[in-house]
Amino acid sequence: MADLYAASDIVVNSARFAEPFGRVAVEALAAGRPFVAARVGAVPEVVRHGREALLFPADDHVALAEAIARLWCDPELRDELVRNGAQRVALRFSEQRAVHAFAGVVEQVLSSKPRKSPFQLEGKSQ
C-alpha cells in the first residue's frame, strides 16, 4: 500500500458506508498525501475539514469534484493539509501513543477489584 500512496497526488475516499476507525484517513496522512473523503463514519473524528483534509457530504459528487479541483489548483492548501495531517498522526496515532494507551488499559484492569461474574451473582457455578 505504501507504493500506492506514494504514487498518489491526492487520496480520495468516496465510500458511502461508515468506516468505524478511519483507517484510510490515517494511512493517507501518514503517507504525507492530501486527503479528500466523504463525511461518514469515523472519518470526521480522525480528520477535520479544512485542517487535515477536505470532507464532503456522502453521495454529493459535485462536492467531491469541487474538493479534488480545489486541492489540485491550490498547492499551498495541499501543503498545509499535509503538514497538519502529519502532526495529527504523530499526536494521535503514533506507535508510542498506542502502546501507552494499551498499557493504561492493562494497568486499569490489573488494579481494579475482581468482579463477580453473572453466574456467581446468581449463585451458579462456572
N, C-alpha and C. Protein backbone atom coordinates (compact mmCIF):
# COMPACT_ATOMS: atom_id res chain seq x y z
N MET A 1 0.81 -1.20 0.00
CA MET A 1 0.00 0.00 0.00
C MET A 1 0.86 1.26 0.00
N ALA A 2 2.00 1.20 0.63
CA ALA A 2 2.85 2.39 0.70
C ALA A 2 3.20 2.89 -0.69
N ASP A 3 3.45 1.96 -1.63
CA ASP A 3 3.77 2.35 -3.00
C ASP A 3 2.60 3.07 -3.67
N LEU A 4 1.38 2.60 -3.41
CA LEU A 4 0.20 3.24 -3.99
C LEU A 4 0.01 4.65 -3.43
N TYR A 5 0.17 4.79 -2.14
CA TYR A 5 0.05 6.12 -1.55
C TYR A 5 1.14 7.04 -2.10
N ALA A 6 2.36 6.54 -2.20
CA ALA A 6 3.47 7.35 -2.69
C ALA A 6 3.24 7.81 -4.13
N ALA A 7 2.55 7.00 -4.92
CA ALA A 7 2.29 7.34 -6.32
C ALA A 7 1.07 8.25 -6.49
N SER A 8 0.37 8.54 -5.42
CA SER A 8 -0.87 9.32 -5.49
C SER A 8 -0.61 10.80 -5.25
N ASP A 9 -1.24 11.64 -6.07
CA ASP A 9 -1.18 13.08 -5.84
C ASP A 9 -2.17 13.49 -4.76
N ILE A 10 -3.34 12.85 -4.77
CA ILE A 10 -4.40 13.10 -3.79
C ILE A 10 -5.04 11.75 -3.48
N VAL A 11 -5.31 11.48 -2.21
CA VAL A 11 -6.01 10.26 -1.82
C VAL A 11 -7.47 10.62 -1.60
N VAL A 12 -8.36 9.88 -2.27
CA VAL A 12 -9.79 10.13 -2.18
C VAL A 12 -10.48 8.90 -1.63
N ASN A 13 -11.31 9.11 -0.62
CA ASN A 13 -12.15 8.04 -0.07
C ASN A 13 -13.60 8.49 -0.22
N SER A 14 -14.25 7.98 -1.26
CA SER A 14 -15.63 8.39 -1.53
C SER A 14 -16.63 7.37 -1.02
N ALA A 15 -16.20 6.51 -0.11
CA ALA A 15 -17.08 5.47 0.42
C ALA A 15 -18.31 6.09 1.07
N ARG A 16 -19.45 5.45 0.85
CA ARG A 16 -20.70 5.93 1.44
C ARG A 16 -21.01 5.21 2.74
N PHE A 17 -20.29 4.13 3.01
CA PHE A 17 -20.54 3.36 4.24
C PHE A 17 -19.68 3.92 5.37
N ALA A 18 -20.10 3.66 6.56
CA ALA A 18 -19.42 4.19 7.74
C ALA A 18 -18.25 3.30 8.14
N GLU A 19 -17.05 3.78 7.88
CA GLU A 19 -15.85 3.07 8.32
C GLU A 19 -15.68 3.35 9.81
N PRO A 20 -15.61 2.32 10.65
CA PRO A 20 -15.62 2.54 12.10
C PRO A 20 -14.35 3.17 12.67
N PHE A 21 -13.22 3.10 11.97
CA PHE A 21 -11.99 3.65 12.54
C PHE A 21 -11.44 4.84 11.75
N GLY A 22 -11.59 4.87 10.46
CA GLY A 22 -10.98 5.92 9.66
C GLY A 22 -9.57 5.57 9.23
N ARG A 23 -9.35 4.29 8.99
CA ARG A 23 -8.01 3.78 8.66
C ARG A 23 -7.43 4.43 7.40
N VAL A 24 -8.26 4.58 6.37
CA VAL A 24 -7.76 5.18 5.13
C VAL A 24 -7.27 6.59 5.40
N ALA A 25 -7.98 7.33 6.23
CA ALA A 25 -7.56 8.69 6.57
C ALA A 25 -6.20 8.68 7.25
N VAL A 26 -6.03 7.81 8.23
CA VAL A 26 -4.76 7.74 8.96
C VAL A 26 -3.64 7.34 8.01
N GLU A 27 -3.89 6.35 7.15
CA GLU A 27 -2.87 5.91 6.20
C GLU A 27 -2.48 7.04 5.25
N ALA A 28 -3.46 7.76 4.73
CA ALA A 28 -3.17 8.86 3.80
C ALA A 28 -2.34 9.95 4.48
N LEU A 29 -2.73 10.31 5.69
CA LEU A 29 -1.99 11.34 6.42
C LEU A 29 -0.57 10.87 6.74
N ALA A 30 -0.44 9.61 7.16
CA ALA A 30 0.88 9.06 7.48
C ALA A 30 1.78 9.01 6.25
N ALA A 31 1.16 8.82 5.08
CA ALA A 31 1.93 8.78 3.83
C ALA A 31 2.24 10.17 3.30
N GLY A 32 1.73 11.19 3.97
CA GLY A 32 2.01 12.56 3.54
C GLY A 32 1.27 12.96 2.29
N ARG A 33 0.05 12.48 2.16
CA ARG A 33 -0.75 12.78 0.98
C ARG A 33 -1.97 13.61 1.36
N PRO A 34 -2.35 14.57 0.50
CA PRO A 34 -3.58 15.30 0.75
C PRO A 34 -4.76 14.35 0.65
N PHE A 35 -5.78 14.59 1.47
CA PHE A 35 -6.87 13.62 1.62
C PHE A 35 -8.23 14.30 1.44
N VAL A 36 -9.07 13.66 0.63
CA VAL A 36 -10.45 14.08 0.41
C VAL A 36 -11.32 12.89 0.76
N ALA A 37 -12.37 13.12 1.55
CA ALA A 37 -13.21 11.99 1.96
C ALA A 37 -14.65 12.40 2.21
N ALA A 38 -15.52 11.41 2.06
CA ALA A 38 -16.92 11.60 2.43
C ALA A 38 -17.00 11.73 3.95
N ARG A 39 -17.89 12.58 4.40
CA ARG A 39 -18.07 12.82 5.83
C ARG A 39 -18.98 11.72 6.40
N VAL A 40 -18.41 10.53 6.59
CA VAL A 40 -19.16 9.38 7.13
C VAL A 40 -18.31 8.64 8.15
N GLY A 41 -18.98 7.90 9.01
CA GLY A 41 -18.27 7.05 9.96
C GLY A 41 -17.32 7.83 10.83
N ALA A 42 -16.15 7.25 11.04
CA ALA A 42 -15.15 7.85 11.93
C ALA A 42 -14.28 8.90 11.24
N VAL A 43 -14.43 9.06 9.94
CA VAL A 43 -13.56 9.99 9.21
C VAL A 43 -13.56 11.39 9.85
N PRO A 44 -14.72 11.98 10.17
CA PRO A 44 -14.68 13.32 10.78
C PRO A 44 -14.06 13.36 12.18
N GLU A 45 -13.92 12.20 12.81
CA GLU A 45 -13.24 12.16 14.10
C GLU A 45 -11.72 12.11 13.93
N VAL A 46 -11.29 11.56 12.80
CA VAL A 46 -9.86 11.41 12.53
C VAL A 46 -9.28 12.68 11.91
N VAL A 47 -10.01 13.27 10.96
CA VAL A 47 -9.55 14.49 10.29
C VAL A 47 -10.60 15.58 10.41
N ARG A 48 -10.12 16.80 10.43
CA ARG A 48 -11.02 17.95 10.49
C ARG A 48 -11.04 18.64 9.13
N HIS A 49 -12.24 18.95 8.68
CA HIS A 49 -12.40 19.60 7.38
C HIS A 49 -11.65 20.93 7.35
N GLY A 50 -10.84 21.09 6.32
CA GLY A 50 -10.09 22.32 6.15
C GLY A 50 -8.82 22.41 6.97
N ARG A 51 -8.63 21.44 7.84
CA ARG A 51 -7.42 21.44 8.68
C ARG A 51 -6.45 20.35 8.22
N GLU A 52 -6.92 19.09 8.18
CA GLU A 52 -6.08 17.97 7.71
C GLU A 52 -6.59 17.38 6.40
N ALA A 53 -7.81 17.71 6.03
CA ALA A 53 -8.42 17.10 4.84
C ALA A 53 -9.57 17.98 4.37
N LEU A 54 -10.09 17.63 3.21
CA LEU A 54 -11.34 18.23 2.74
C LEU A 54 -12.40 17.15 2.79
N LEU A 55 -13.50 17.44 3.46
CA LEU A 55 -14.59 16.48 3.60
C LEU A 55 -15.79 16.98 2.81
N PHE A 56 -16.58 16.04 2.32
CA PHE A 56 -17.77 16.39 1.55
C PHE A 56 -18.91 15.47 1.97
N PRO A 57 -20.16 15.90 1.76
CA PRO A 57 -21.29 15.03 2.10
C PRO A 57 -21.30 13.79 1.22
N ALA A 58 -21.53 12.64 1.84
CA ALA A 58 -21.61 11.39 1.07
C ALA A 58 -22.66 11.53 -0.02
N ASP A 59 -22.40 10.93 -1.16
CA ASP A 59 -23.31 10.94 -2.32
C ASP A 59 -23.39 12.29 -3.02
N ASP A 60 -22.56 13.24 -2.66
CA ASP A 60 -22.57 14.54 -3.33
C ASP A 60 -21.37 14.60 -4.28
N HIS A 61 -21.58 14.10 -5.50
CA HIS A 61 -20.48 14.01 -6.46
C HIS A 61 -19.97 15.38 -6.89
N VAL A 62 -20.82 16.39 -6.85
CA VAL A 62 -20.38 17.74 -7.20
C VAL A 62 -19.41 18.26 -6.13
N ALA A 63 -19.75 18.07 -4.87
CA ALA A 63 -18.86 18.50 -3.78
C ALA A 63 -17.54 17.73 -3.82
N LEU A 64 -17.59 16.45 -4.17
CA LEU A 64 -16.37 15.65 -4.31
C LEU A 64 -15.48 16.24 -5.40
N ALA A 65 -16.06 16.51 -6.57
CA ALA A 65 -15.29 17.07 -7.68
C ALA A 65 -14.71 18.44 -7.31
N GLU A 66 -15.49 19.24 -6.61
CA GLU A 66 -15.01 20.57 -6.19
C GLU A 66 -13.83 20.45 -5.22
N ALA A 67 -13.91 19.50 -4.30
CA ALA A 67 -12.81 19.32 -3.33
C ALA A 67 -11.53 18.89 -4.04
N ILE A 68 -11.65 17.95 -4.97
CA ILE A 68 -10.48 17.50 -5.72
C ILE A 68 -9.89 18.66 -6.53
N ALA A 69 -10.75 19.40 -7.22
CA ALA A 69 -10.28 20.53 -8.02
C ALA A 69 -9.61 21.59 -7.15
N ARG A 70 -10.19 21.82 -5.98
CA ARG A 70 -9.61 22.81 -5.06
C ARG A 70 -8.19 22.42 -4.66
N LEU A 71 -8.01 21.16 -4.31
CA LEU A 71 -6.66 20.70 -3.93
C LEU A 71 -5.71 20.72 -5.12
N TRP A 72 -6.21 20.31 -6.26
CA TRP A 72 -5.37 20.25 -7.46
C TRP A 72 -4.85 21.64 -7.83
N CYS A 73 -5.70 22.65 -7.66
CA CYS A 73 -5.36 24.00 -8.09
C CYS A 73 -4.69 24.85 -7.01
N ASP A 74 -4.60 24.34 -5.80
CA ASP A 74 -4.07 25.15 -4.70
C ASP A 74 -2.95 24.40 -3.97
N PRO A 75 -1.72 24.49 -4.49
CA PRO A 75 -0.61 23.76 -3.86
C PRO A 75 -0.34 24.20 -2.42
N GLU A 76 -0.62 25.45 -2.08
CA GLU A 76 -0.42 25.90 -0.70
C GLU A 76 -1.38 25.19 0.24
N LEU A 77 -2.63 25.03 -0.18
CA LEU A 77 -3.61 24.30 0.64
C LEU A 77 -3.19 22.85 0.78
N ARG A 78 -2.76 22.24 -0.32
CA ARG A 78 -2.28 20.84 -0.25
C ARG A 78 -1.17 20.71 0.77
N ASP A 79 -0.19 21.61 0.69
CA ASP A 79 0.95 21.54 1.61
C ASP A 79 0.51 21.74 3.06
N GLU A 80 -0.42 22.67 3.28
CA GLU A 80 -0.90 22.92 4.64
C GLU A 80 -1.63 21.70 5.20
N LEU A 81 -2.49 21.08 4.40
CA LEU A 81 -3.21 19.89 4.86
C LEU A 81 -2.24 18.75 5.17
N VAL A 82 -1.23 18.59 4.33
CA VAL A 82 -0.24 17.53 4.54
C VAL A 82 0.54 17.78 5.83
N ARG A 83 0.98 19.01 6.05
CA ARG A 83 1.70 19.35 7.30
C ARG A 83 0.83 19.09 8.52
N ASN A 84 -0.39 19.59 8.48
CA ASN A 84 -1.30 19.40 9.61
C ASN A 84 -1.63 17.92 9.81
N GLY A 85 -1.77 17.20 8.71
CA GLY A 85 -2.06 15.77 8.80
C GLY A 85 -0.93 15.00 9.45
N ALA A 86 0.30 15.34 9.10
CA ALA A 86 1.46 14.66 9.70
C ALA A 86 1.50 14.92 11.21
N GLN A 87 1.21 16.14 11.61
CA GLN A 87 1.18 16.46 13.04
C GLN A 87 0.08 15.68 13.76
N ARG A 88 -1.08 15.60 13.14
CA ARG A 88 -2.22 14.90 13.77
C ARG A 88 -1.92 13.42 13.93
N VAL A 89 -1.33 12.81 12.91
CA VAL A 89 -0.98 11.38 13.01
C VAL A 89 0.05 11.18 14.11
N ALA A 90 1.05 12.04 14.16
CA ALA A 90 2.10 11.89 15.18
C ALA A 90 1.52 12.04 16.58
N LEU A 91 0.56 12.93 16.75
CA LEU A 91 -0.02 13.16 18.08
C LEU A 91 -1.04 12.10 18.49
N ARG A 92 -1.86 11.67 17.54
CA ARG A 92 -2.99 10.80 17.91
C ARG A 92 -2.83 9.33 17.57
N PHE A 93 -1.98 9.01 16.59
CA PHE A 93 -1.96 7.64 16.09
C PHE A 93 -0.57 7.03 16.01
N SER A 94 0.37 7.57 16.76
CA SER A 94 1.72 7.03 16.73
C SER A 94 1.78 5.68 17.45
N GLU A 95 2.79 4.91 17.14
CA GLU A 95 3.00 3.63 17.81
C GLU A 95 3.19 3.85 19.31
N GLN A 96 3.93 4.88 19.66
CA GLN A 96 4.18 5.17 21.08
C GLN A 96 2.87 5.47 21.81
N ARG A 97 2.00 6.23 21.18
CA ARG A 97 0.71 6.55 21.82
C ARG A 97 -0.15 5.30 21.97
N ALA A 98 -0.15 4.43 20.96
CA ALA A 98 -0.93 3.19 21.04
C ALA A 98 -0.43 2.30 22.17
N VAL A 99 0.90 2.17 22.28
CA VAL A 99 1.47 1.36 23.36
C VAL A 99 1.12 1.95 24.72
N HIS A 100 1.21 3.27 24.84
CA HIS A 100 0.88 3.94 26.10
C HIS A 100 -0.60 3.72 26.46
N ALA A 101 -1.48 3.85 25.48
CA ALA A 101 -2.92 3.65 25.74
C ALA A 101 -3.20 2.21 26.15
N PHE A 102 -2.57 1.26 25.46
CA PHE A 102 -2.76 -0.15 25.79
C PHE A 102 -2.25 -0.44 27.20
N ALA A 103 -1.09 0.11 27.54
CA ALA A 103 -0.53 -0.09 28.88
C ALA A 103 -1.47 0.49 29.94
N GLY A 104 -2.09 1.60 29.64
CA GLY A 104 -3.05 2.19 30.57
C GLY A 104 -4.25 1.30 30.81
N VAL A 105 -4.74 0.66 29.76
CA VAL A 105 -5.87 -0.26 29.90
C VAL A 105 -5.46 -1.47 30.74
N VAL A 106 -4.30 -2.03 30.45
CA VAL A 106 -3.81 -3.19 31.21
C VAL A 106 -3.65 -2.81 32.68
N GLU A 107 -3.06 -1.65 32.95
CA GLU A 107 -2.88 -1.20 34.33
C GLU A 107 -4.23 -1.03 35.03
N GLN A 108 -5.18 -0.48 34.34
CA GLN A 108 -6.51 -0.28 34.92
C GLN A 108 -7.17 -1.63 35.26
N VAL A 109 -7.05 -2.58 34.36
CA VAL A 109 -7.64 -3.91 34.60
C VAL A 109 -6.95 -4.58 35.78
N LEU A 110 -5.63 -4.52 35.81
CA LEU A 110 -4.90 -5.19 36.88
C LEU A 110 -5.12 -4.54 38.24
N SER A 111 -5.39 -3.26 38.27
CA SER A 111 -5.57 -2.59 39.56
C SER A 111 -7.03 -2.56 40.02
N SER A 112 -7.94 -3.02 39.19
CA SER A 112 -9.35 -2.99 39.59
C SER A 112 -9.69 -4.21 40.45
N LYS A 113 -10.72 -4.04 41.25
CA LYS A 113 -11.17 -5.14 42.10
C LYS A 113 -11.84 -6.20 41.23
N PRO A 114 -11.58 -7.46 41.55
CA PRO A 114 -12.26 -8.52 40.80
C PRO A 114 -13.77 -8.40 40.98
N ARG A 115 -14.49 -8.64 39.93
CA ARG A 115 -15.94 -8.59 39.99
C ARG A 115 -16.49 -10.00 39.87
N LYS A 116 -17.64 -10.18 40.42
CA LYS A 116 -18.29 -11.48 40.28
C LYS A 116 -18.92 -11.56 38.90
N SER A 117 -18.83 -12.73 38.34
CA SER A 117 -19.46 -12.94 37.04
C SER A 117 -20.97 -13.04 37.24
N PRO A 118 -21.74 -12.91 36.18
CA PRO A 118 -23.19 -13.08 36.31
C PRO A 118 -23.55 -14.44 36.89
N PHE A 119 -22.74 -15.45 36.61
CA PHE A 119 -23.01 -16.79 37.14
C PHE A 119 -22.84 -16.80 38.66
N GLN A 120 -21.82 -16.13 39.15
CA GLN A 120 -21.58 -16.07 40.60
C GLN A 120 -22.67 -15.26 41.30
N LEU A 121 -23.16 -14.23 40.65
CA LEU A 121 -24.20 -13.40 41.24
C LEU A 121 -25.51 -14.18 41.41
N GLU A 122 -25.75 -15.08 40.48
CA GLU A 122 -26.98 -15.88 40.53
C GLU A 122 -26.81 -17.13 41.37
N GLY A 123 -25.62 -17.31 41.93
CA GLY A 123 -25.38 -18.49 42.75
C GLY A 123 -25.06 -19.72 41.93
N LYS A 124 -24.79 -19.54 40.66
CA LYS A 124 -24.45 -20.68 39.80
C LYS A 124 -22.94 -20.84 39.77
N SER A 125 -22.50 -22.04 39.58
CA SER A 125 -21.06 -22.28 39.45
C SER A 125 -20.68 -22.11 37.99
N GLN A 126 -19.40 -21.84 37.81
CA GLN A 126 -18.93 -21.63 36.44
C GLN A 126 -18.59 -22.90 35.77
